[in-house]
Amino acid sequence: MNQRLAELRTKIFADGADRDGMLEMSRKDYIKGLTTNPTLMAKSGIKNYKSFALDILGAINSMPISFEVFSDDFSEMEDQALEIASWATNVYVKIPITNTKRVPSYELIHKLASREVKLNVTAIMTLEQVKHSTEALNPHVEAYVSVFAGRIADTGIDPLPLMKESVSILTSKPKSELIWASPRELLNIFHADSIGCQVITVTNDILKKLELVGKNLEDYSLETVKMFYDDGQKAGLKI
């Protein structure tokens, strides 16, 4: 493994819902956990949620895996969360920070945390959401707080200050860890590491770029020039 990657304190979680891809990622030394969500499952054509999850959990039982509820009703969310949590001890239940009606999930988070359900509070984008969700968590139960730094960056706002403050907020719940979610580029892994963010979720398209870490930039420049030249030749470009 590249030295820079070996020295990372931030844990890399693979984000996806493709069975083969998840199993492949779970076998890599640098992958410390897995996450998925209903959108990724829909893209993968999954129809039977429980069957898919149990199949994955039968093969991967030594690292945390997050599965998300999909109801918009808090009572039904609670039932789904308890069911999902029962599937395996390495399961974390993803609870969205609000429902679609903009009603915060803090009460449900507190209720589930009190029942010692391991949670992954997801789709967070403000410090107020970080503060309230952290307050709702059980100090004696492991949990994740997922801040969608990439989506924050998509709005033209630098997520680093918010992520730094989130790290500080979470010190009040030492069994809970901050996730840098929705990264947009490989460099975000090192951004997360630089501020002490404990986890970053990374999709396969970004994970493929890990082999570039530490690459000689002059060599990379030459490869790029050769690519442009070769493509120009193949296209038969003329002026």
C-alpha atoms as a PDB file:
ATOM      1  CA  MET A   1       0.000   0.000   0.000  1.00  0.00           C
ATOM      2  CA  ASN A   2       1.154   3.556  -0.730  1.00  0.00           C
ATOM      3  CA  GLN A   3       2.803   5.172   2.315  1.00  0.00           C
ATOM      4  CA  ARG A   4       0.381   8.110   2.352  1.00  0.00           C
ATOM      5  CA  LEU A   5      -2.559   5.718   2.415  1.00  0.00           C
ATOM      6  CA  ALA A   6      -0.912   3.582   5.096  1.00  0.00           C
ATOM      7  CA  GLU A   7      -0.571   6.636   7.336  1.00  0.00           C
ATOM      8  CA  LEU A   8      -4.214   7.688   7.054  1.00  0.00           C
ATOM      9  CA  ARG A   9      -6.097   7.911  10.335  1.00  0.00           C
ATOM     10  CA  THR A  10      -9.429   8.392   8.575  1.00  0.00           C
ATOM     11  CA  LYS A  11     -11.165   5.094   7.849  1.00  0.00           C
ATOM     12  CA  ILE A  12     -12.379   4.530   4.289  1.00  0.00           C
ATOM     13  CA  PHE A  13     -15.858   3.029   3.908  1.00  0.00           C
ATOM     14  CA  ALA A  14     -16.938   1.803   0.460  1.00  0.00           C
ATOM     15  CA  ASP A  15     -20.298   3.206  -0.656  1.00  0.00           C
ATOM     16  CA  GLY A  16     -22.388   1.078  -3.003  1.00  0.00           C
ATOM     17  CA  ALA A  17     -25.129  -1.513  -3.462  1.00  0.00           C
ATOM     18  CA  ASP A  18     -23.653  -3.855  -6.037  1.00  0.00           C
ATOM     19  CA  ARG A  19     -23.148  -7.274  -4.425  1.00  0.00           C
ATOM     20  CA  ASP A  20     -19.995  -8.213  -6.282  1.00  0.00           C
ATOM     21  CA  GLY A  21     -18.542  -4.758  -5.795  1.00  0.00           C
ATOM     22  CA  MET A  22     -19.299  -4.774  -2.073  1.00  0.00           C
ATOM     23  CA  LEU A  23     -17.689  -8.186  -1.603  1.00  0.00           C
ATOM     24  CA  GLU A  24     -14.654  -7.105  -3.614  1.00  0.00           C
ATOM     25  CA  MET A  25     -14.234  -3.927  -1.583  1.00  0.00           C
ATOM     26  CA  SER A  26     -14.628  -5.777   1.718  1.00  0.00           C
ATOM     27  CA  ARG A  27     -11.542  -7.838   0.883  1.00  0.00           C
ATOM     28  CA  LYS A  28      -9.284  -4.796   0.448  1.00  0.00           C
ATOM     29  CA  ASP A  29      -7.066  -3.936   3.418  1.00  0.00           C
ATOM     30  CA  TYR A  30      -7.814  -0.210   3.231  1.00  0.00           C
ATOM     31  CA  ILE A  31     -11.615  -0.648   3.365  1.00  0.00           C
ATOM     32  CA  LYS A  32     -12.845  -0.582   6.971  1.00  0.00           C
ATOM     33  CA  GLY A  33     -16.615  -0.561   6.453  1.00  0.00           C
ATOM     34  CA  LEU A  34     -19.483  -0.384   3.953  1.00  0.00           C
ATOM     35  CA  THR A  35     -22.507   1.835   3.447  1.00  0.00           C
ATOM     36  CA  THR A  36     -25.472   1.770   1.108  1.00  0.00           C
ATOM     37  CA  ASN A  37     -28.792   3.581   0.652  1.00  0.00           C
ATOM     38  CA  PRO A  38     -32.143   3.134  -1.131  1.00  0.00           C
ATOM     39  CA  THR A  39     -31.025   5.176  -4.162  1.00  0.00           C
ATOM     40  CA  LEU A  40     -27.981   2.965  -4.732  1.00  0.00           C
ATOM     41  CA  MET A  41     -30.141  -0.130  -4.254  1.00  0.00           C
ATOM     42  CA  ALA A  42     -32.649   1.111  -6.807  1.00  0.00           C
ATOM     43  CA  LYS A  43     -29.858   1.737  -9.324  1.00  0.00           C
ATOM     44  CA  SER A  44     -28.617  -1.818  -8.746  1.00  0.00           C
ATOM     45  CA  GLY A  45     -32.098  -3.214  -9.405  1.00  0.00           C
ATOM     46  CA  ILE A  46     -32.563  -4.673  -5.929  1.00  0.00           C
ATOM     47  CA  LYS A  47     -36.169  -5.691  -5.253  1.00  0.00           C
ATOM     48  CA  ASN A  48     -35.989  -7.643  -1.995  1.00  0.00           C
ATOM     49  CA  TYR A  49     -34.235  -5.445   0.581  1.00  0.00           C
ATOM     50  CA  LYS A  50     -34.015  -8.030   3.360  1.00  0.00           C
ATOM     51  CA  SER A  51     -32.856 -10.828   1.098  1.00  0.00           C
ATOM     52  CA  PHE A  52     -30.118  -8.623  -0.355  1.00  0.00           C
ATOM     53  CA  ALA A  53     -28.983  -7.417   3.086  1.00  0.00           C
ATOM     54  CA  LEU A  54     -28.901 -10.897   4.629  1.00  0.00           C
ATOM     55  CA  ASP A  55     -26.936 -12.204   1.671  1.00  0.00           C
ATOM     56  CA  ILE A  56     -24.333  -9.457   2.112  1.00  0.00           C
ATOM     57  CA  LEU A  57     -24.224  -9.928   5.883  1.00  0.00           C
ATOM     58  CA  GLY A  58     -23.709 -13.649   5.454  1.00  0.00           C
ATOM     59  CA  ALA A  59     -20.480 -12.884   3.617  1.00  0.00           C
ATOM     60  CA  ILE A  60     -19.346  -9.769   5.493  1.00  0.00           C
ATOM     61  CA  ASN A  61     -19.534  -9.973   9.281  1.00  0.00           C
ATOM     62  CA  SER A  62     -16.317  -8.404  10.497  1.00  0.00           C
ATOM     63  CA  MET A  63     -16.839  -4.754   9.548  1.00  0.00           C
ATOM     64  CA  PRO A  64     -19.630  -2.182  10.013  1.00  0.00           C
ATOM     65  CA  ILE A  65     -22.319  -2.031   7.324  1.00  0.00           C
ATOM     66  CA  SER A  66     -25.015   0.646   7.172  1.00  0.00           C
ATOM     67  CA  PHE A  67     -28.514  -0.052   5.811  1.00  0.00           C
ATOM     68  CA  GLU A  68     -31.133   2.697   5.619  1.00  0.00           C
ATOM     69  CA  VAL A  69     -34.820   2.857   6.524  1.00  0.00           C
ATOM     70  CA  PHE A  70     -37.069   3.918   3.650  1.00  0.00           C
ATOM     71  CA  SER A  71     -40.341   5.044   5.263  1.00  0.00           C
ATOM     72  CA  ASP A  72     -41.398   8.683   5.658  1.00  0.00           C
ATOM     73  CA  ASP A  73     -43.473   7.964   8.767  1.00  0.00           C
ATOM     74  CA  PHE A  74     -41.540   8.004  12.035  1.00  0.00           C
ATOM     75  CA  SER A  75     -43.489   5.162  13.614  1.00  0.00           C
ATOM     76  CA  GLU A  76     -42.869   2.976  10.584  1.00  0.00           C
ATOM     77  CA  MET A  77     -39.227   4.148  10.485  1.00  0.00           C
ATOM     78  CA  GLU A  78     -38.857   2.897  14.053  1.00  0.00           C
ATOM     79  CA  ASP A  79     -40.244  -0.529  13.147  1.00  0.00           C
ATOM     80  CA  GLN A  80     -37.959  -0.751  10.119  1.00  0.00           C
ATOM     81  CA  ALA A  81     -34.946   0.334  12.182  1.00  0.00           C
ATOM     82  CA  LEU A  82     -35.529  -2.344  14.806  1.00  0.00           C
ATOM     83  CA  GLU A  83     -35.952  -4.984  12.091  1.00  0.00           C
ATOM     84  CA  ILE A  84     -32.772  -3.911  10.270  1.00  0.00           C
ATOM     85  CA  ALA A  85     -30.803  -3.777  13.522  1.00  0.00           C
ATOM     86  CA  SER A  86     -31.800  -7.374  14.278  1.00  0.00           C
ATOM     87  CA  TRP A  87     -30.119  -8.720  11.145  1.00  0.00           C
ATOM     88  CA  ALA A  88     -26.556  -8.697  12.505  1.00  0.00           C
ATOM     89  CA  THR A  89     -24.374  -7.149  15.201  1.00  0.00           C
ATOM     90  CA  ASN A  90     -22.275  -5.263  12.646  1.00  0.00           C
ATOM     91  CA  VAL A  91     -25.322  -3.424  11.231  1.00  0.00           C
ATOM     92  CA  TYR A  92     -25.774   0.324  11.642  1.00  0.00           C
ATOM     93  CA  VAL A  93     -29.220   1.698  10.817  1.00  0.00           C
ATOM     94  CA  LYS A  94     -29.265   4.826   8.679  1.00  0.00           C
ATOM     95  CA  ILE A  95     -31.864   7.352   9.796  1.00  0.00           C
ATOM     96  CA  PRO A  96     -32.380  10.473   7.649  1.00  0.00           C
ATOM     97  CA  ILE A  97     -32.040  13.711   9.596  1.00  0.00           C
ATOM     98  CA  THR A  98     -35.602  14.712   8.597  1.00  0.00           C
ATOM     99  CA  ASN A  99     -38.518  13.172   6.778  1.00  0.00           C
ATOM    100  CA  THR A 100     -39.728  14.606   3.451  1.00  0.00           C
ATOM    101  CA  LYS A 101     -41.992  17.035   5.313  1.00  0.00           C
ATOM    102  CA  ARG A 102     -38.928  18.699   6.908  1.00  0.00           C
ATOM    103  CA  VAL A 103     -39.790  17.306  10.355  1.00  0.00           C
ATOM    104  CA  PRO A 104     -36.532  16.556  12.221  1.00  0.00           C
ATOM    105  CA  SER A 105     -35.814  12.973  13.274  1.00  0.00           C
ATOM    106  CA  TYR A 106     -34.248  13.863  16.630  1.00  0.00           C
ATOM    107  CA  GLU A 107     -36.963  12.236  18.735  1.00  0.00           C
ATOM    108  CA  LEU A 108     -36.712   8.989  16.777  1.00  0.00           C
ATOM    109  CA  ILE A 109     -32.901   9.075  16.971  1.00  0.00           C
ATOM    110  CA  HIS A 110     -33.093   9.457  20.750  1.00  0.00           C
ATOM    111  CA  LYS A 111     -35.668   6.685  21.064  1.00  0.00           C
ATOM    112  CA  LEU A 112     -33.638   4.211  18.998  1.00  0.00           C
ATOM    113  CA  ALA A 113     -30.354   5.179  20.644  1.00  0.00           C
ATOM    114  CA  SER A 114     -31.966   4.598  24.039  1.00  0.00           C
ATOM    115  CA  ARG A 115     -32.775   1.077  22.869  1.00  0.00           C
ATOM    116  CA  GLU A 116     -29.076   0.661  21.997  1.00  0.00           C
ATOM    117  CA  VAL A 117     -29.601   0.551  18.244  1.00  0.00           C
ATOM    118  CA  LYS A 118     -26.376   1.453  16.444  1.00  0.00           C
ATOM    119  CA  LEU A 119     -27.262   4.373  14.196  1.00  0.00           C
ATOM    120  CA  ASN A 120     -25.920   6.233  11.200  1.00  0.00           C
ATOM    121  CA  VAL A 121     -27.676   9.608  11.099  1.00  0.00           C
ATOM    122  CA  THR A 122     -27.583  10.620   7.443  1.00  0.00           C
ATOM    123  CA  ALA A 123     -28.175  13.497   4.978  1.00  0.00           C
ATOM    124  CA  ILE A 124     -26.883  16.121   7.420  1.00  0.00           C
ATOM    125  CA  MET A 125     -25.785  19.470   5.984  1.00  0.00           C
ATOM    126  CA  THR A 126     -25.930  22.057   8.782  1.00  0.00           C
ATOM    127  CA  LEU A 127     -24.208  22.526  12.131  1.00  0.00           C
ATOM    128  CA  GLU A 128     -27.599  22.770  13.827  1.00  0.00           C
ATOM    129  CA  GLN A 129     -28.417  19.286  12.530  1.00  0.00           C
ATOM    130  CA  VAL A 130     -25.045  18.002  13.761  1.00  0.00           C
ATOM    131  CA  LYS A 131     -25.617  19.479  17.235  1.00  0.00           C
ATOM    132  CA  HIS A 132     -29.162  18.167  17.684  1.00  0.00           C
ATOM    133  CA  SER A 133     -28.444  14.703  16.326  1.00  0.00           C
ATOM    134  CA  THR A 134     -25.348  14.405  18.520  1.00  0.00           C
ATOM    135  CA  GLU A 135     -27.376  15.400  21.568  1.00  0.00           C
ATOM    136  CA  ALA A 136     -29.914  12.671  20.745  1.00  0.00           C
ATOM    137  CA  LEU A 137     -27.328   9.889  20.583  1.00  0.00           C
ATOM    138  CA  ASN A 138     -26.564   7.461  23.399  1.00  0.00           C
ATOM    139  CA  PRO A 139     -23.070   8.099  24.857  1.00  0.00           C
ATOM    140  CA  HIS A 140     -22.692   4.370  25.496  1.00  0.00           C
ATOM    141  CA  VAL A 141     -23.604   3.152  21.985  1.00  0.00           C
ATOM    142  CA  GLU A 142     -21.532   3.358  18.811  1.00  0.00           C
ATOM    143  CA  ALA A 143     -22.959   5.611  16.094  1.00  0.00           C
ATOM    144  CA  TYR A 144     -22.076   7.611  13.005  1.00  0.00           C
ATOM    145  CA  VAL A 145     -23.059  11.154  12.073  1.00  0.00           C
ATOM    146  CA  SER A 146     -22.913  11.548   8.276  1.00  0.00           C
ATOM    147  CA  VAL A 147     -22.386  15.084   7.006  1.00  0.00           C
ATOM    148  CA  PHE A 148     -22.742  15.376   3.231  1.00  0.00           C
ATOM    149  CA  ALA A 149     -19.683  17.525   2.676  1.00  0.00           C
ATOM    150  CA  GLY A 150     -19.710  16.939  -1.074  1.00  0.00           C
ATOM    151  CA  ARG A 151     -23.242  18.223  -1.471  1.00  0.00           C
ATOM    152  CA  ILE A 152     -22.375  21.234   0.674  1.00  0.00           C
ATOM    153  CA  ALA A 153     -19.439  21.918  -1.682  1.00  0.00           C
ATOM    154  CA  ASP A 154     -21.802  21.598  -4.666  1.00  0.00           C
ATOM    155  CA  THR A 155     -23.598  24.741  -3.418  1.00  0.00           C
ATOM    156  CA  GLY A 156     -20.383  26.779  -3.527  1.00  0.00           C
ATOM    157  CA  ILE A 157     -19.730  26.563   0.223  1.00  0.00           C
ATOM    158  CA  ASP A 158     -16.422  25.273   1.585  1.00  0.00           C
ATOM    159  CA  PRO A 159     -17.382  22.332   3.835  1.00  0.00           C
ATOM    160  CA  LEU A 160     -14.080  22.210   5.738  1.00  0.00           C
ATOM    161  CA  PRO A 161     -15.005  24.745   8.480  1.00  0.00           C
ATOM    162  CA  LEU A 162     -18.295  22.940   9.117  1.00  0.00           C
ATOM    163  CA  MET A 163     -16.566  19.569   9.189  1.00  0.00           C
ATOM    164  CA  LYS A 164     -13.934  20.831  11.637  1.00  0.00           C
ATOM    165  CA  GLU A 165     -16.642  22.134  13.941  1.00  0.00           C
ATOM    166  CA  SER A 166     -18.539  18.849  13.620  1.00  0.00           C
ATOM    167  CA  VAL A 167     -15.467  16.931  14.800  1.00  0.00           C
ATOM    168  CA  SER A 168     -15.416  19.168  17.873  1.00  0.00           C
ATOM    169  CA  ILE A 169     -19.138  18.737  18.563  1.00  0.00           C
ATOM    170  CA  LEU A 170     -18.892  14.962  18.437  1.00  0.00           C
ATOM    171  CA  THR A 171     -16.267  14.845  21.181  1.00  0.00           C
ATOM    172  CA  SER A 172     -19.210  14.988  23.606  1.00  0.00           C
ATOM    173  CA  LYS A 173     -20.179  11.483  22.424  1.00  0.00           C
ATOM    174  CA  PRO A 174     -16.848   9.603  22.225  1.00  0.00           C
ATOM    175  CA  LYS A 175     -18.459   6.412  20.856  1.00  0.00           C
ATOM    176  CA  SER A 176     -19.861   8.356  17.905  1.00  0.00           C
ATOM    177  CA  GLU A 177     -17.820   9.129  14.792  1.00  0.00           C
ATOM    178  CA  LEU A 178     -18.121  11.721  12.050  1.00  0.00           C
ATOM    179  CA  ILE A 179     -18.498  10.560   8.446  1.00  0.00           C
ATOM    180  CA  TRP A 180     -17.408  12.781   5.565  1.00  0.00           C
ATOM    181  CA  ALA A 181     -20.133  11.731   3.127  1.00  0.00           C
ATOM    182  CA  SER A 182     -20.573  12.301  -0.622  1.00  0.00           C
ATOM    183  CA  PRO A 183     -16.940  13.163  -1.442  1.00  0.00           C
ATOM    184  CA  ARG A 184     -16.414  14.592  -4.900  1.00  0.00           C
ATOM    185  CA  GLU A 185     -12.723  13.819  -5.416  1.00  0.00           C
ATOM    186  CA  LEU A 186      -9.974  11.637  -4.022  1.00  0.00           C
ATOM    187  CA  LEU A 187      -8.352  14.642  -2.331  1.00  0.00           C
ATOM    188  CA  ASN A 188     -11.336  14.734   0.046  1.00  0.00           C
ATOM    189  CA  ILE A 189      -9.902  11.648   1.769  1.00  0.00           C
ATOM    190  CA  PHE A 190      -6.872  13.703   2.770  1.00  0.00           C
ATOM    191  CA  HIS A 191      -9.064  16.696   3.657  1.00  0.00           C
ATOM    192  CA  ALA A 192     -10.981  14.471   6.062  1.00  0.00           C
ATOM    193  CA  ASP A 193      -7.782  13.081   7.536  1.00  0.00           C
ATOM    194  CA  SER A 194      -6.303  16.556   8.058  1.00  0.00           C
ATOM    195  CA  ILE A 195      -9.144  17.611  10.382  1.00  0.00           C
ATOM    196  CA  GLY A 196      -9.456  14.358  12.328  1.00  0.00           C
ATOM    197  CA  CYS A 197     -12.695  13.208  10.690  1.00  0.00           C
ATOM    198  CA  GLN A 198     -12.920   9.542  11.627  1.00  0.00           C
ATOM    199  CA  VAL A 199     -14.593   8.116   8.496  1.00  0.00           C
ATOM    200  CA  ILE A 200     -15.135   8.954   4.832  1.00  0.00           C
ATOM    201  CA  THR A 201     -17.526   7.097   2.527  1.00  0.00           C
ATOM    202  CA  VAL A 202     -16.125   6.659  -0.978  1.00  0.00           C
ATOM    203  CA  THR A 203     -17.764   5.353  -4.151  1.00  0.00           C
ATOM    204  CA  ASN A 204     -16.007   2.897  -6.450  1.00  0.00           C
ATOM    205  CA  ASP A 205     -15.299   5.515  -9.134  1.00  0.00           C
ATOM    206  CA  ILE A 206     -13.202   7.495  -6.648  1.00  0.00           C
ATOM    207  CA  LEU A 207     -11.665   4.402  -5.055  1.00  0.00           C
ATOM    208  CA  LYS A 208     -10.256   3.475  -8.476  1.00  0.00           C
ATOM    209  CA  LYS A 209      -8.101   6.606  -8.288  1.00  0.00           C
ATOM    210  CA  LEU A 210      -6.273   5.420  -5.157  1.00  0.00           C
ATOM    211  CA  GLU A 211      -3.600   3.894  -7.370  1.00  0.00           C
ATOM    212  CA  LEU A 212      -2.701   7.447  -8.434  1.00  0.00           C
ATOM    213  CA  VAL A 213      -1.731   8.525  -4.914  1.00  0.00           C
ATOM    214  CA  GLY A 214       1.980   9.356  -4.902  1.00  0.00           C
ATOM    215  CA  LYS A 215       2.263   9.164  -8.694  1.00  0.00           C
ATOM    216  CA  ASN A 216       5.107  11.204 -10.215  1.00  0.00           C
ATOM    217  CA  LEU A 217       3.460  14.294 -11.719  1.00  0.00           C
ATOM    218  CA  GLU A 218       5.947  14.635 -14.570  1.00  0.00           C
ATOM    219  CA  ASP A 219       5.166  11.052 -15.584  1.00  0.00           C
ATOM    220  CA  TYR A 220       1.457  11.782 -15.279  1.00  0.00           C
ATOM    221  CA  SER A 221       1.892  14.891 -17.428  1.00  0.00           C
ATOM    222  CA  LEU A 222       3.626  12.857 -20.134  1.00  0.00           C
ATOM    223  CA  GLU A 223       0.904  10.188 -20.036  1.00  0.00           C
ATOM    224  CA  THR A 224      -1.685  12.913 -20.519  1.00  0.00           C
ATOM    225  CA  VAL A 225       0.175  14.387 -23.484  1.00  0.00           C
ATOM    226  CA  LYS A 226       0.446  10.907 -25.038  1.00  0.00           C
ATOM    227  CA  MET A 227      -3.290  10.366 -24.526  1.00  0.00           C
ATOM    228  CA  PHE A 228      -4.123  13.605 -26.351  1.00  0.00           C
ATOM    229  CA  TYR A 229      -1.706  12.734 -29.169  1.00  0.00           C
ATOM    230  CA  ASP A 230      -2.986   9.166 -29.582  1.00  0.00           C
ATOM    231  CA  ASP A 231      -6.624  10.265 -29.562  1.00  0.00           C
ATOM    232  CA  GLY A 232      -5.878  12.947 -32.122  1.00  0.00           C
ATOM    233  CA  GLN A 233      -4.238  10.374 -34.372  1.00  0.00           C
ATOM    234  CA  LYS A 234      -7.114   7.916 -33.983  1.00  0.00           C
ATOM    235  CA  ALA A 235      -9.626  10.622 -34.833  1.00  0.00           C
ATOM    236  CA  GLY A 236      -7.660  11.607 -37.946  1.00  0.00           C
ATOM    237  CA  LEU A 237      -7.839  15.265 -37.013  1.00  0.00           C
ATOM    238  CA  LYS A 238      -6.732  17.746 -39.693  1.00  0.00           C
ATOM    239  CA  ILE A 239      -6.603  21.525 -39.937  1.00  0.00           C
END
